[in-house]
């Protein structure tokens, strides 16, 4: 059985446009991927590679 929050618009009850917008925004927020935790030394290494590629004019691949 589906939860009521998952089936908010499936019933015949009245929903304000503001409530619908907030509900849809919340659903979109759940789809976001959390930002990874990067250690300070890794961050400095990545920063060096990006700055070096900009100075020396070569491409880098980010994945």
PDB file of N, CA and C in Angstrom:
ATOM      1  N   UNK A   1       0.841  -1.177   0.000  1.00  0.00           N
ATOM      2  CA  UNK A   1       0.000   0.000   0.000  1.00  0.00           C
ATOM      3  C   UNK A   1       0.890   1.245   0.000  1.00  0.00           C
ATOM      4  N   UNK A   2       0.566   2.197  -0.839  1.00  0.00           N
ATOM      5  CA  UNK A   2       1.362   3.419  -0.954  1.00  0.00           C
ATOM      6  C   UNK A   2       1.091   4.350   0.223  1.00  0.00           C
ATOM      7  N   UNK A   3       2.103   5.050   0.601  1.00  0.00           N
ATOM      8  CA  UNK A   3       1.953   6.040   1.663  1.00  0.00           C
ATOM      9  C   UNK A   3       1.121   7.199   1.147  1.00  0.00           C
ATOM     10  N   UNK A   4       0.500   7.925   2.047  1.00  0.00           N
ATOM     11  CA  UNK A   4      -0.308   9.074   1.649  1.00  0.00           C
ATOM     12  C   UNK A   4       0.542  10.174   1.027  1.00  0.00           C
ATOM     13  N   UNK A   5       1.767  10.335   1.509  1.00  0.00           N
ATOM     14  CA  UNK A   5       2.633  11.390   0.965  1.00  0.00           C
ATOM     15  C   UNK A   5       3.033  11.062  -0.475  1.00  0.00           C
ATOM     16  N   UNK A   6       3.167   9.766  -0.807  1.00  0.00           N
ATOM     17  CA  UNK A   6       3.507   9.366  -2.169  1.00  0.00           C
ATOM     18  C   UNK A   6       2.317   9.483  -3.107  1.00  0.00           C
ATOM     19  N   UNK A   7       1.133   9.469  -2.569  1.00  0.00           N
ATOM     20  CA  UNK A   7      -0.077   9.525  -3.376  1.00  0.00           C
ATOM     21  C   UNK A   7      -0.855  10.802  -3.069  1.00  0.00           C
ATOM     22  N   UNK A   8      -0.161  11.919  -2.981  1.00  0.00           N
ATOM     23  CA  UNK A   8      -0.775  13.178  -2.573  1.00  0.00           C
ATOM     24  C   UNK A   8      -1.827  13.653  -3.562  1.00  0.00           C
ATOM     25  N   UNK A   9      -1.584  13.462  -4.858  1.00  0.00           N
ATOM     26  CA  UNK A   9      -2.484  13.995  -5.871  1.00  0.00           C
ATOM     27  C   UNK A   9      -3.373  12.926  -6.481  1.00  0.00           C
ATOM     28  N   UNK A  10      -3.264  11.705  -6.015  1.00  0.00           N
ATOM     29  CA  UNK A  10      -4.083  10.624  -6.539  1.00  0.00           C
ATOM     30  C   UNK A  10      -5.485  10.624  -5.959  1.00  0.00           C
ATOM     31  N   UNK A  11      -5.660  11.243  -4.837  1.00  0.00           N
ATOM     32  CA  UNK A  11      -6.991  11.282  -4.223  1.00  0.00           C
ATOM     33  C   UNK A  11      -7.751  12.499  -4.724  1.00  0.00           C
ATOM     34  N   UNK A  12      -8.971  12.626  -4.292  1.00  0.00           N
ATOM     35  CA  UNK A  12      -9.814  13.724  -4.766  1.00  0.00           C
ATOM     36  C   UNK A  12      -9.809  14.919  -3.818  1.00  0.00           C
ATOM     37  N   UNK A  13      -8.817  15.001  -2.941  1.00  0.00           N
ATOM     38  CA  UNK A  13      -8.817  16.128  -2.020  1.00  0.00           C
ATOM     39  C   UNK A  13      -8.218  17.372  -2.680  1.00  0.00           C
ATOM     40  N   UNK A  14      -8.522  18.512  -2.107  1.00  0.00           N
ATOM     41  CA  UNK A  14      -8.119  19.805  -2.646  1.00  0.00           C
ATOM     42  C   UNK A  14      -6.674  20.113  -2.257  1.00  0.00           C
ATOM     43  N   UNK A  15      -5.865  20.518  -3.247  1.00  0.00           N
ATOM     44  CA  UNK A  15      -4.477  20.857  -3.007  1.00  0.00           C
ATOM     45  C   UNK A  15      -4.222  22.242  -3.580  1.00  0.00           C
ATOM     46  N   UNK A  16      -3.655  23.122  -2.756  1.00  0.00           N
ATOM     47  CA  UNK A  16      -3.330  24.465  -3.220  1.00  0.00           C
ATOM     48  C   UNK A  16      -2.149  24.426  -4.185  1.00  0.00           C
ATOM     49  N   UNK A  17      -2.083  25.373  -5.127  1.00  0.00           N
ATOM     50  CA  UNK A  17      -0.953  25.405  -6.058  1.00  0.00           C
ATOM     51  C   UNK A  17       0.402  25.521  -5.352  1.00  0.00           C
ATOM     52  N   UNK A  18       0.446  26.272  -4.239  1.00  0.00           N
ATOM     53  CA  UNK A  18       1.687  26.416  -3.494  1.00  0.00           C
ATOM     54  C   UNK A  18       2.124  25.082  -2.895  1.00  0.00           C
ATOM     55  N   UNK A  19       1.145  24.304  -2.416  1.00  0.00           N
ATOM     56  CA  UNK A  19       1.449  23.001  -1.843  1.00  0.00           C
ATOM     57  C   UNK A  19       1.955  22.045  -2.922  1.00  0.00           C
ATOM     58  N   UNK A  20       1.328  22.099  -4.085  1.00  0.00           N
ATOM     59  CA  UNK A  20       1.741  21.240  -5.195  1.00  0.00           C
ATOM     60  C   UNK A  20       3.159  21.586  -5.630  1.00  0.00           C
ATOM     61  N   UNK A  21       3.466  22.875  -5.743  1.00  0.00           N
ATOM     62  CA  UNK A  21       4.798  23.314  -6.148  1.00  0.00           C
ATOM     63  C   UNK A  21       5.859  22.855  -5.140  1.00  0.00           C
ATOM     64  N   UNK A  22       5.562  23.010  -3.856  1.00  0.00           N
ATOM     65  CA  UNK A  22       6.497  22.578  -2.808  1.00  0.00           C
ATOM     66  C   UNK A  22       6.691  21.068  -2.847  1.00  0.00           C
ATOM     67  N   UNK A  23       5.613  20.329  -3.063  1.00  0.00           N
ATOM     68  CA  UNK A  23       5.689  18.871  -3.151  1.00  0.00           C
ATOM     69  C   UNK A  23       6.573  18.441  -4.323  1.00  0.00           C
ATOM     70  N   UNK A  24       6.380  19.045  -5.486  1.00  0.00           N
ATOM     71  CA  UNK A  24       7.180  18.702  -6.665  1.00  0.00           C
ATOM     72  C   UNK A  24       8.637  19.088  -6.475  1.00  0.00           C
ATOM     73  N   UNK A  25       8.906  20.217  -5.824  1.00  0.00           N
ATOM     74  CA  UNK A  25      10.276  20.625  -5.553  1.00  0.00           C
ATOM     75  C   UNK A  25      10.956  19.647  -4.595  1.00  0.00           C
ATOM     76  N   UNK A  26      10.231  19.176  -3.601  1.00  0.00           N
ATOM     77  CA  UNK A  26      10.763  18.200  -2.663  1.00  0.00           C
ATOM     78  C   UNK A  26      11.109  16.899  -3.374  1.00  0.00           C
ATOM     79  N   UNK A  27      10.254  16.465  -4.297  1.00  0.00           N
ATOM     80  CA  UNK A  27      10.526  15.263  -5.077  1.00  0.00           C
ATOM     81  C   UNK A  27      11.791  15.432  -5.914  1.00  0.00           C
ATOM     82  N   UNK A  28      12.001  16.614  -6.495  1.00  0.00           N
ATOM     83  CA  UNK A  28      13.199  16.885  -7.273  1.00  0.00           C
ATOM     84  C   UNK A  28      14.445  16.889  -6.388  1.00  0.00           C
ATOM     85  N   UNK A  29      14.325  17.411  -5.179  1.00  0.00           N
ATOM     86  CA  UNK A  29      15.461  17.456  -4.255  1.00  0.00           C
ATOM     87  C   UNK A  29      15.937  16.055  -3.878  1.00  0.00           C
ATOM     88  N   UNK A  30      15.016  15.090  -3.796  1.00  0.00           N
ATOM     89  CA  UNK A  30      15.395  13.723  -3.458  1.00  0.00           C
ATOM     90  C   UNK A  30      16.211  13.074  -4.566  1.00  0.00           C
ATOM     91  N   UNK A  31      16.102  13.589  -5.797  1.00  0.00           N
ATOM     92  CA  UNK A  31      16.835  13.029  -6.921  1.00  0.00           C
ATOM     93  C   UNK A  31      18.292  13.501  -6.962  1.00  0.00           C
ATOM     94  N   UNK A  32      18.625  14.550  -6.233  1.00  0.00           N
ATOM     95  CA  UNK A  32      19.973  15.099  -6.258  1.00  0.00           C
ATOM     96  C   UNK A  32      20.968  14.137  -5.612  1.00  0.00           C
ATOM     97  N   UNK A  33      22.158  14.096  -6.164  1.00  0.00           N
ATOM     98  CA  UNK A  33      23.228  13.254  -5.631  1.00  0.00           C
ATOM     99  C   UNK A  33      23.997  14.078  -4.595  1.00  0.00           C
ATOM    100  N   UNK A  34      24.243  13.527  -3.417  1.00  0.00           N
ATOM    101  CA  UNK A  34      24.975  14.295  -2.405  1.00  0.00           C
ATOM    102  C   UNK A  34      26.422  14.553  -2.828  1.00  0.00           C
ATOM    103  N   UNK A  35      26.946  15.685  -2.416  1.00  0.00           N
ATOM    104  CA  UNK A  35      28.302  16.061  -2.761  1.00  0.00           C
ATOM    105  C   UNK A  35      29.289  15.150  -2.030  1.00  0.00           C
ATOM    106  N   UNK A  36      30.306  14.633  -2.743  1.00  0.00           N
ATOM    107  CA  UNK A  36      31.256  13.741  -2.082  1.00  0.00           C
ATOM    108  C   UNK A  36      32.153  14.493  -1.101  1.00  0.00           C
ATOM    109  N   UNK A  37      32.646  13.773  -0.114  1.00  0.00           N
ATOM    110  CA  UNK A  37      33.569  14.349   0.864  1.00  0.00           C
ATOM    111  C   UNK A  37      34.982  14.187   0.317  1.00  0.00           C
ATOM    112  N   UNK A  38      35.685  15.313   0.130  1.00  0.00           N
ATOM    113  CA  UNK A  38      37.030  15.306  -0.434  1.00  0.00           C
ATOM    114  C   UNK A  38      37.990  15.818   0.634  1.00  0.00           C
ATOM    115  N   UNK A  39      39.070  15.064   0.839  1.00  0.00           N
ATOM    116  CA  UNK A  39      40.081  15.460   1.813  1.00  0.00           C
ATOM    117  C   UNK A  39      40.854  16.671   1.296  1.00  0.00           C
ATOM    118  N   UNK A  40      41.488  17.389   2.187  1.00  0.00           N
ATOM    119  CA  UNK A  40      42.205  18.614   1.844  1.00  0.00           C
ATOM    120  C   UNK A  40      43.327  18.360   0.842  1.00  0.00           C
ATOM    121  N   UNK A  41      44.093  17.282   1.023  1.00  0.00           N
ATOM    122  CA  UNK A  41      45.199  17.005   0.096  1.00  0.00           C
ATOM    123  C   UNK A  41      44.693  16.637  -1.295  1.00  0.00           C
ATOM    124  N   UNK A  42      43.561  15.930  -1.370  1.00  0.00           N
ATOM    125  CA  UNK A  42      42.961  15.627  -2.668  1.00  0.00           C
ATOM    126  C   UNK A  42      42.473  16.896  -3.350  1.00  0.00           C
ATOM    127  N   UNK A  43      41.884  17.786  -2.574  1.00  0.00           N
ATOM    128  CA  UNK A  43      41.396  19.053  -3.105  1.00  0.00           C
ATOM    129  C   UNK A  43      42.548  19.903  -3.650  1.00  0.00           C
ATOM    130  N   UNK A  44      43.660  19.932  -2.935  1.00  0.00           N
ATOM    131  CA  UNK A  44      44.824  20.683  -3.401  1.00  0.00           C
ATOM    132  C   UNK A  44      45.402  20.081  -4.677  1.00  0.00           C
ATOM    133  N   UNK A  45      45.408  18.758  -4.762  1.00  0.00           N
ATOM    134  CA  UNK A  45      45.900  18.078  -5.959  1.00  0.00           C
ATOM    135  C   UNK A  45      45.023  18.388  -7.171  1.00  0.00           C
ATOM    136  N   UNK A  46      43.721  18.347  -6.977  1.00  0.00           N
ATOM    137  CA  UNK A  46      42.783  18.671  -8.062  1.00  0.00           C
ATOM    138  C   UNK A  46      42.944  20.121  -8.479  1.00  0.00           C
ATOM    139  N   UNK A  47      43.101  21.014  -7.522  1.00  0.00           N
ATOM    140  CA  UNK A  47      43.282  22.438  -7.808  1.00  0.00           C
ATOM    141  C   UNK A  47      44.560  22.667  -8.618  1.00  0.00           C
ATOM    142  N   UNK A  48      45.640  21.971  -8.244  1.00  0.00           N
ATOM    143  CA  UNK A  48      46.906  22.099  -8.974  1.00  0.00           C
ATOM    144  C   UNK A  48      46.749  21.635 -10.419  1.00  0.00           C
ATOM    145  N   UNK A  49      46.079  20.513 -10.630  1.00  0.00           N
ATOM    146  CA  UNK A  49      45.891  19.977 -11.979  1.00  0.00           C
ATOM    147  C   UNK A  49      45.075  20.941 -12.836  1.00  0.00           C
ATOM    148  N   UNK A  50      44.023  21.519 -12.269  1.00  0.00           N
ATOM    149  CA  UNK A  50      43.182  22.462 -13.018  1.00  0.00           C
ATOM    150  C   UNK A  50      43.961  23.727 -13.354  1.00  0.00           C
ATOM    151  N   UNK A  51      44.676  24.274 -12.384  1.00  0.00           N
ATOM    152  CA  UNK A  51      45.458  25.494 -12.626  1.00  0.00           C
ATOM    153  C   UNK A  51      46.568  25.247 -13.639  1.00  0.00           C
ATOM    154  N   UNK A  52      47.233  24.093 -13.532  1.00  0.00           N
ATOM    155  CA  UNK A  52      48.302  23.758 -14.461  1.00  0.00           C
ATOM    156  C   UNK A  52      47.759  23.595 -15.879  1.00  0.00           C
ATOM    157  N   UNK A  53      46.611  22.979 -16.020  1.00  0.00           N
ATOM    158  CA  UNK A  53      46.033  22.804 -17.354  1.00  0.00           C
ATOM    159  C   UNK A  53      45.620  24.145 -17.954  1.00  0.00           C
ATOM    160  N   UNK A  54      45.187  25.075 -17.122  1.00  0.00           N
ATOM    161  CA  UNK A  54      44.816  26.397 -17.626  1.00  0.00           C
ATOM    162  C   UNK A  54      46.053  27.184 -18.052  1.00  0.00           C
ATOM    163  N   UNK A  55      47.139  27.073 -17.287  1.00  0.00           N
ATOM    164  CA  UNK A  55      48.374  27.798 -17.617  1.00  0.00           C
ATOM    165  C   UNK A  55      49.068  27.216 -18.839  1.00  0.00           C
ATOM    166  N   UNK A  56      49.100  25.894 -18.923  1.00  0.00           N
ATOM    167  CA  UNK A  56      49.821  25.219 -20.005  1.00  0.00           C
ATOM    168  C   UNK A  56      48.930  24.943 -21.222  1.00  0.00           C
ATOM    169  N   UNK A  57      47.634  25.256 -21.113  1.00  0.00           N
ATOM    170  CA  UNK A  57      46.683  25.148 -22.214  1.00  0.00           C
ATOM    171  C   UNK A  57      46.548  23.695 -22.713  1.00  0.00           C
ATOM    172  N   UNK A  58      46.251  22.781 -21.813  1.00  0.00           N
ATOM    173  CA  UNK A  58      45.944  21.421 -22.221  1.00  0.00           C
ATOM    174  C   UNK A  58      44.630  20.985 -21.559  1.00  0.00           C
ATOM    175  N   UNK A  59      43.980  20.027 -22.202  1.00  0.00           N
ATOM    176  CA  UNK A  59      42.653  19.579 -21.748  1.00  0.00           C
ATOM    177  C   UNK A  59      42.774  18.563 -20.629  1.00  0.00           C
ATOM    178  N   UNK A  60      41.782  18.564 -19.763  1.00  0.00           N
ATOM    179  CA  UNK A  60      41.676  17.542 -18.723  1.00  0.00           C
ATOM    180  C   UNK A  60      40.294  16.913 -18.825  1.00  0.00           C
ATOM    181  N   UNK A  61      40.169  15.690 -18.348  1.00  0.00           N
ATOM    182  CA  UNK A  61      38.904  14.985 -18.357  1.00  0.00           C
ATOM    183  C   UNK A  61      38.434  14.841 -16.918  1.00  0.00           C
ATOM    184  N   UNK A  62      37.226  15.293 -16.636  1.00  0.00           N
ATOM    185  CA  UNK A  62      36.655  15.218 -15.292  1.00  0.00           C
ATOM    186  C   UNK A  62      35.565  14.162 -15.314  1.00  0.00           C
ATOM    187  N   UNK A  63      35.670  13.214 -14.392  1.00  0.00           N
ATOM    188  CA  UNK A  63      34.639  12.185 -14.321  1.00  0.00           C
ATOM    189  C   UNK A  63      34.159  12.007 -12.900  1.00  0.00           C
TER     190      UNK A  63
END
